[in-house]
């Protein structure tokens, strides 16, 4: 069963799911931080003073969607309709989504 679950996901998707699980455990927030360029001057100055430990998103939009789904699933939240739509738009099939949920076991 485990091998069939893993075979539905690529190695990169499995890694993105593991990153999402770790993010849920460490940060309790699955949304990536606002890009540094979009912050105001005061916010950038505060981050410069205290350090920037904000959660970063993945560069690949498909892997970022997998990471956010895994993070929400691990945190016990139901994924939003927008996230599920994004997963479908990125080409993830229901078998992929089930495989990410199967990695929780």
Protein backbone atom coordinates (compact mmCIF):
# COMPACT_ATOMS: atom_id res chain seq x y z
CA UNK A 1 0.00 0.00 0.00
CA UNK A 2 2.76 2.47 0.94
CA UNK A 3 4.65 1.85 -2.33
CA UNK A 4 1.52 2.45 -4.41
CA UNK A 5 0.84 5.67 -2.51
CA UNK A 6 4.40 6.88 -3.07
CA UNK A 7 4.43 5.87 -6.72
CA UNK A 8 1.57 8.29 -7.43
CA UNK A 9 3.84 11.18 -6.38
CA UNK A 10 7.15 12.25 -7.86
CA UNK A 11 10.18 12.60 -5.58
CA UNK A 12 9.80 16.37 -5.71
CA UNK A 13 6.13 16.17 -4.71
CA UNK A 14 6.99 13.84 -1.82
CA UNK A 15 9.65 16.31 -0.67
CA UNK A 16 7.18 19.21 -0.92
CA UNK A 17 4.67 17.23 1.16
CA UNK A 18 7.33 16.52 3.81
CA UNK A 19 8.23 20.21 3.90
CA UNK A 20 4.54 21.02 4.38
CA UNK A 21 4.28 18.53 7.25
CA UNK A 22 7.32 20.09 8.92
CA UNK A 23 5.94 23.61 8.39
CA UNK A 24 2.69 22.64 10.09
CA UNK A 25 4.61 21.21 13.03
CA UNK A 26 6.99 24.16 13.42
CA UNK A 27 5.05 27.23 12.33
CA UNK A 28 1.34 26.38 12.75
CA UNK A 29 0.78 28.55 9.67
CA UNK A 30 0.78 27.25 6.13
CA UNK A 31 0.74 30.49 4.19
CA UNK A 32 4.11 31.72 2.95
CA UNK A 33 5.30 35.14 4.04
CA UNK A 34 4.63 38.27 2.05
CA UNK A 35 7.57 38.88 -0.30
CA UNK A 36 10.17 41.24 1.12
CA UNK A 37 9.59 43.70 -1.73
CA UNK A 38 5.91 44.11 -0.79
CA UNK A 39 6.62 45.06 2.82
CA UNK A 40 6.62 48.64 3.98
CA UNK A 41 9.76 50.47 4.99
CA UNK A 42 9.08 50.08 8.74
CA UNK A 43 8.42 46.33 8.39
CA UNK A 44 11.64 45.81 6.45
CA UNK A 45 13.57 47.76 9.09
CA UNK A 46 12.09 45.63 11.90
CA UNK A 47 12.95 42.43 10.02
CA UNK A 48 16.46 43.74 9.47
CA UNK A 49 16.82 44.38 13.21
CA UNK A 50 15.33 41.16 14.58
CA UNK A 51 15.99 38.78 11.70
CA UNK A 52 13.73 37.30 9.08
CA UNK A 53 12.51 33.84 10.09
CA UNK A 54 9.29 34.00 8.12
CA UNK A 55 8.00 30.97 6.24
CA UNK A 56 9.09 30.91 2.61
CA UNK A 57 7.07 29.47 -0.25
CA UNK A 58 8.50 27.07 -2.80
CA UNK A 59 9.53 28.46 -6.20
CA UNK A 60 7.55 25.90 -8.21
CA UNK A 61 3.79 26.75 -8.03
CA UNK A 62 2.79 23.07 -8.31
CA UNK A 63 5.08 22.05 -5.46
CA UNK A 64 3.96 25.07 -3.41
CA UNK A 65 0.34 23.93 -3.80
CA UNK A 66 1.33 20.42 -2.64
CA UNK A 67 3.23 21.95 0.32
CA UNK A 68 0.25 24.10 1.35
CA UNK A 69 -2.14 21.13 1.03
CA UNK A 70 0.12 18.90 3.11
CA UNK A 71 0.56 21.64 5.71
CA UNK A 72 -3.20 22.22 6.02
CA UNK A 73 -3.88 18.49 6.17
CA UNK A 74 -1.23 17.92 8.86
CA UNK A 75 -2.51 20.88 10.89
CA UNK A 76 -5.99 19.35 10.85
CA UNK A 77 -7.59 22.04 8.68
CA UNK A 78 -9.81 21.28 5.74
CA UNK A 79 -8.12 22.58 2.59
CA UNK A 80 -9.87 25.60 1.11
CA UNK A 81 -11.88 25.40 -2.07
CA UNK A 82 -9.37 27.78 -3.68
CA UNK A 83 -6.47 25.49 -2.78
CA UNK A 84 -8.28 22.43 -4.12
CA UNK A 85 -9.01 24.34 -7.34
CA UNK A 86 -5.36 25.33 -7.57
CA UNK A 87 -4.30 21.70 -7.12
CA UNK A 88 -6.64 20.66 -9.93
CA UNK A 89 -5.40 23.47 -12.18
CA UNK A 90 -1.81 22.35 -11.55
CA UNK A 91 -2.72 18.90 -12.89
CA UNK A 92 -2.87 16.97 -9.63
CA UNK A 93 -5.30 14.09 -9.85
CA UNK A 94 -7.38 12.78 -6.93
CA UNK A 95 -4.90 9.90 -6.67
CA UNK A 96 -2.10 12.43 -6.03
CA UNK A 97 -4.16 14.17 -3.35
CA UNK A 98 -4.92 10.82 -1.73
CA UNK A 99 -1.22 9.96 -1.87
CA UNK A 100 -0.32 13.15 0.02
CA UNK A 101 -2.95 12.30 2.63
CA UNK A 102 -1.58 8.72 2.73
CA UNK A 103 1.85 10.04 3.68
CA UNK A 104 0.34 11.21 6.97
CA UNK A 105 -0.09 7.63 8.12
